[in-house]
N, C-alpha and C. Protein backbone atom coordinates (compact mmCIF):
# COMPACT_ATOMS: atom_id res chain seq x y z
N UNK A 1 193.03 117.28 51.27
CA UNK A 1 192.49 117.78 50.02
C UNK A 1 192.56 119.30 50.04
N UNK A 2 193.00 119.84 48.93
CA UNK A 2 193.10 121.30 48.81
C UNK A 2 191.74 121.90 48.51
N UNK A 3 191.61 123.18 48.77
CA UNK A 3 190.34 123.88 48.56
C UNK A 3 189.91 123.80 47.09
N UNK A 4 190.83 124.00 46.15
CA UNK A 4 190.46 123.98 44.74
C UNK A 4 189.93 122.62 44.31
N UNK A 5 190.55 121.55 44.83
CA UNK A 5 190.08 120.20 44.51
C UNK A 5 188.70 119.95 45.13
N UNK A 6 188.54 120.42 46.36
CA UNK A 6 187.26 120.27 47.05
C UNK A 6 186.13 120.98 46.29
N UNK A 7 186.37 122.23 45.90
CA UNK A 7 185.34 123.00 45.19
C UNK A 7 185.00 122.35 43.84
N UNK A 8 186.01 121.92 43.12
CA UNK A 8 185.79 121.29 41.82
C UNK A 8 184.96 120.03 41.99
N UNK A 9 185.36 119.18 42.93
CA UNK A 9 184.64 117.93 43.14
C UNK A 9 183.22 118.18 43.64
N UNK A 10 183.04 119.16 44.49
CA UNK A 10 181.71 119.50 45.00
C UNK A 10 180.79 119.95 43.87
N UNK A 11 181.31 120.75 42.94
CA UNK A 11 180.50 121.19 41.80
C UNK A 11 180.10 119.99 40.93
N UNK A 12 181.05 119.12 40.66
CA UNK A 12 180.77 117.96 39.80
C UNK A 12 179.79 117.01 40.49
N UNK A 13 179.97 116.79 41.79
CA UNK A 13 179.04 115.93 42.53
C UNK A 13 177.64 116.52 42.57
N UNK A 14 177.55 117.83 42.76
CA UNK A 14 176.24 118.49 42.77
C UNK A 14 175.55 118.36 41.42
N UNK A 15 176.31 118.43 40.36
CA UNK A 15 175.77 118.25 39.02
C UNK A 15 175.27 116.83 38.83
N UNK A 16 176.10 115.86 39.17
CA UNK A 16 175.75 114.45 38.96
C UNK A 16 174.58 114.00 39.82
N UNK A 17 174.39 114.63 40.96
CA UNK A 17 173.27 114.29 41.84
C UNK A 17 172.05 115.18 41.61
N UNK A 18 172.10 116.00 40.56
CA UNK A 18 171.01 116.92 40.20
C UNK A 18 170.62 117.85 41.35
N UNK A 19 171.61 118.29 42.11
CA UNK A 19 171.36 119.23 43.20
C UNK A 19 171.37 120.67 42.72
N UNK A 20 172.19 120.95 41.71
CA UNK A 20 172.31 122.30 41.16
C UNK A 20 172.23 122.18 39.64
N UNK A 21 171.50 123.08 39.01
CA UNK A 21 171.37 123.04 37.55
C UNK A 21 172.70 123.41 36.89
N UNK A 22 172.96 122.85 35.71
CA UNK A 22 174.24 123.09 35.04
C UNK A 22 174.58 124.57 34.83
N UNK A 23 173.58 125.39 34.51
CA UNK A 23 173.83 126.81 34.28
C UNK A 23 174.38 127.49 35.54
N UNK A 24 173.85 127.11 36.68
CA UNK A 24 174.31 127.70 37.93
C UNK A 24 175.69 127.18 38.31
N UNK A 25 175.97 125.94 38.01
CA UNK A 25 177.30 125.39 38.27
C UNK A 25 178.34 126.14 37.44
N UNK A 26 177.98 126.49 36.21
CA UNK A 26 178.89 127.27 35.36
C UNK A 26 179.19 128.63 35.99
N UNK A 27 178.16 129.24 36.54
CA UNK A 27 178.34 130.55 37.20
C UNK A 27 179.24 130.41 38.41
N UNK A 28 178.96 129.40 39.25
CA UNK A 28 179.80 129.18 40.43
C UNK A 28 181.25 128.94 40.03
N UNK A 29 181.47 128.06 39.05
CA UNK A 29 182.83 127.74 38.63
C UNK A 29 183.53 128.98 38.07
N UNK A 30 182.80 129.78 37.31
CA UNK A 30 183.37 131.03 36.79
C UNK A 30 183.78 131.99 37.88
N UNK A 31 182.95 132.08 38.92
CA UNK A 31 183.28 132.94 40.06
C UNK A 31 184.51 132.41 40.80
N UNK A 32 184.55 131.09 40.99
CA UNK A 32 185.71 130.50 41.66
C UNK A 32 186.98 130.74 40.85
N UNK A 33 186.88 130.64 39.54
CA UNK A 33 188.03 130.86 38.67
C UNK A 33 188.47 132.33 38.74
N UNK A 34 187.52 133.23 38.70
CA UNK A 34 187.84 134.66 38.76
C UNK A 34 188.53 135.05 40.07
N UNK A 35 188.17 134.35 41.14
CA UNK A 35 188.77 134.63 42.45
C UNK A 35 190.00 133.76 42.71
N UNK A 36 190.44 133.04 41.70
CA UNK A 36 191.60 132.14 41.79
C UNK A 36 191.43 131.05 42.83
N UNK A 37 190.18 130.63 43.06
CA UNK A 37 189.94 129.53 43.99
C UNK A 37 190.07 128.18 43.29
N UNK A 38 189.89 128.17 41.96
CA UNK A 38 190.14 126.98 41.15
C UNK A 38 191.01 127.40 39.97
N UNK A 39 191.64 126.41 39.34
CA UNK A 39 192.50 126.70 38.20
C UNK A 39 191.72 126.56 36.89
N UNK A 40 192.34 126.97 35.81
CA UNK A 40 191.71 126.83 34.49
C UNK A 40 191.48 125.35 34.17
N UNK A 41 192.41 124.50 34.55
CA UNK A 41 192.25 123.05 34.31
C UNK A 41 191.04 122.51 35.07
N UNK A 42 190.83 122.98 36.27
CA UNK A 42 189.67 122.54 37.05
C UNK A 42 188.37 123.10 36.46
N UNK A 43 188.44 124.30 35.93
CA UNK A 43 187.27 124.86 35.24
C UNK A 43 186.94 123.99 34.03
N UNK A 44 187.95 123.54 33.33
CA UNK A 44 187.74 122.65 32.18
C UNK A 44 187.13 121.33 32.63
N UNK A 45 187.56 120.80 33.76
CA UNK A 45 186.96 119.57 34.30
C UNK A 45 185.46 119.76 34.55
N UNK A 46 185.11 120.89 35.13
CA UNK A 46 183.71 121.19 35.44
C UNK A 46 182.91 121.32 34.14
N UNK A 47 183.42 122.05 33.17
CA UNK A 47 182.68 122.22 31.92
C UNK A 47 182.56 120.91 31.15
N UNK A 48 183.58 120.06 31.22
CA UNK A 48 183.49 118.74 30.59
C UNK A 48 182.44 117.88 31.27
N UNK A 49 182.36 117.97 32.59
CA UNK A 49 181.35 117.22 33.33
C UNK A 49 179.95 117.72 32.97
N UNK A 50 179.81 119.03 32.80
CA UNK A 50 178.50 119.60 32.42
C UNK A 50 178.11 119.10 31.03
N UNK A 51 179.04 119.12 30.09
CA UNK A 51 178.76 118.64 28.74
C UNK A 51 178.34 117.18 28.75
N UNK A 52 179.07 116.35 29.49
CA UNK A 52 178.74 114.92 29.58
C UNK A 52 177.37 114.72 30.22
N UNK A 53 177.07 115.50 31.25
CA UNK A 53 175.78 115.40 31.93
C UNK A 53 174.64 115.79 31.00
N UNK A 54 174.80 116.88 30.27
CA UNK A 54 173.74 117.33 29.35
C UNK A 54 173.55 116.34 28.20
N UNK A 55 174.63 115.74 27.72
CA UNK A 55 174.52 114.73 26.67
C UNK A 55 173.75 113.52 27.17
N UNK A 56 174.07 113.08 28.38
CA UNK A 56 173.36 111.94 28.97
C UNK A 56 171.88 112.26 29.16
N UNK A 57 171.58 113.48 29.60
CA UNK A 57 170.18 113.89 29.79
C UNK A 57 169.44 113.90 28.46
N UNK A 58 170.09 114.39 27.41
CA UNK A 58 169.45 114.45 26.09
C UNK A 58 169.19 113.04 25.56
N UNK A 59 170.13 112.13 25.76
CA UNK A 59 169.94 110.76 25.31
C UNK A 59 168.83 110.08 26.10
N UNK A 60 168.78 110.34 27.38
CA UNK A 60 167.73 109.78 28.23
C UNK A 60 166.36 110.28 27.80
N UNK A 61 166.28 111.57 27.48
CA UNK A 61 165.02 112.16 27.04
C UNK A 61 164.57 111.57 25.70
N UNK A 62 165.50 111.44 24.75
CA UNK A 62 165.12 110.90 23.45
C UNK A 62 164.73 109.43 23.55
N UNK A 63 165.36 108.68 24.45
CA UNK A 63 165.00 107.29 24.65
C UNK A 63 163.60 107.17 25.24
N UNK A 64 163.28 107.98 26.23
CA UNK A 64 161.95 107.91 26.83
C UNK A 64 160.89 108.43 25.87
N UNK A 65 161.22 109.39 25.02
CA UNK A 65 160.25 109.86 24.02
C UNK A 65 159.96 108.78 22.99
N UNK A 66 160.98 108.06 22.55
CA UNK A 66 160.75 107.01 21.56
C UNK A 66 159.98 105.85 22.19
N UNK A 67 160.22 105.57 23.47
CA UNK A 67 159.48 104.52 24.16
C UNK A 67 158.02 104.91 24.28
N UNK A 68 157.74 106.17 24.65
CA UNK A 68 156.35 106.58 24.81
C UNK A 68 155.64 106.66 23.46
N UNK A 69 156.33 107.01 22.38
CA UNK A 69 155.66 107.03 21.07
C UNK A 69 155.42 105.62 20.58
N UNK A 70 156.26 104.66 20.94
CA UNK A 70 156.01 103.26 20.60
C UNK A 70 154.77 102.77 21.32
N UNK A 71 154.64 103.16 22.60
CA UNK A 71 153.47 102.78 23.36
C UNK A 71 152.21 103.41 22.77
N UNK A 72 152.30 104.66 22.36
CA UNK A 72 151.14 105.34 21.78
C UNK A 72 150.68 104.67 20.51
N UNK A 73 151.60 104.28 19.64
CA UNK A 73 151.18 103.65 18.39
C UNK A 73 150.60 102.26 18.65
N UNK A 74 151.10 101.52 19.64
CA UNK A 74 150.52 100.22 19.94
C UNK A 74 149.15 100.39 20.57
N UNK A 75 148.96 101.44 21.38
CA UNK A 75 147.65 101.72 21.95
C UNK A 75 146.67 102.09 20.84
N UNK A 76 147.10 102.85 19.85
CA UNK A 76 146.23 103.22 18.74
C UNK A 76 145.81 102.00 17.95
N UNK A 77 146.73 101.09 17.72
CA UNK A 77 146.42 99.86 17.01
C UNK A 77 145.40 99.05 17.79
N UNK A 78 145.59 98.98 19.08
CA UNK A 78 144.66 98.25 19.94
C UNK A 78 143.28 98.89 19.92
N UNK A 79 143.21 100.24 19.97
CA UNK A 79 141.94 100.95 19.93
C UNK A 79 141.21 100.71 18.61
N UNK A 80 141.94 100.73 17.50
CA UNK A 80 141.28 100.53 16.21
C UNK A 80 140.81 99.09 16.07
N UNK A 81 141.54 98.14 16.65
CA UNK A 81 141.11 96.75 16.62
C UNK A 81 139.83 96.60 17.43
N UNK A 82 139.73 97.26 18.58
CA UNK A 82 138.53 97.21 19.41
C UNK A 82 137.35 97.80 18.66
N UNK A 83 137.55 98.90 17.96
CA UNK A 83 136.48 99.53 17.19
C UNK A 83 136.03 98.60 16.08
N UNK A 84 136.96 97.93 15.44
CA UNK A 84 136.63 96.99 14.37
C UNK A 84 135.83 95.82 14.92
N UNK A 85 136.21 95.31 16.08
CA UNK A 85 135.49 94.20 16.72
C UNK A 85 134.07 94.63 17.07
N UNK A 86 133.90 95.85 17.56
CA UNK A 86 132.57 96.35 17.93
C UNK A 86 131.69 96.45 16.70
N UNK A 87 132.23 96.92 15.58
CA UNK A 87 131.47 97.04 14.34
C UNK A 87 131.04 95.67 13.86
N UNK A 88 131.92 94.70 13.88
CA UNK A 88 131.61 93.35 13.44
C UNK A 88 130.51 92.75 14.31
N UNK A 89 130.58 92.96 15.62
CA UNK A 89 129.58 92.43 16.55
C UNK A 89 128.22 93.06 16.28
N UNK A 90 128.15 94.36 16.06
CA UNK A 90 126.87 95.03 15.84
C UNK A 90 126.30 94.65 14.47
N UNK A 91 127.15 94.43 13.46
CA UNK A 91 126.67 93.99 12.15
C UNK A 91 126.07 92.58 12.24
N UNK A 92 126.71 91.72 13.02
CA UNK A 92 126.20 90.36 13.21
C UNK A 92 124.86 90.38 13.92
N UNK A 93 124.70 91.24 14.91
CA UNK A 93 123.47 91.32 15.68
C UNK A 93 122.33 91.85 14.80
N UNK A 94 122.61 92.81 13.93
CA UNK A 94 121.55 93.37 13.10
C UNK A 94 121.17 92.42 11.96
N UNK A 95 122.07 91.57 11.54
CA UNK A 95 121.77 90.60 10.49
C UNK A 95 120.86 89.51 11.00
N UNK A 96 120.86 89.25 12.30
CA UNK A 96 120.01 88.21 12.90
C UNK A 96 118.64 88.70 12.97
């Protein structure tokens, strides 16, 4: 394996394993490109991997937010049902 391939793959693996933040990977890749350690095509591979990673992260975040808001609304419904049950029970007790 050549050095340029190794560096490119190492950056992409570090990104996918959440070892290095995407912004820092961009800096590293830019430095490698400036020093001719990787090619422009390899820089494009790294930036495409970053874009795909950030898109996946955004989708994951929106999915977990929608799941938690679904849970919150069902918890609210449950809480209001409990309050309604308590009111009915206390009204029955006072009527006796």
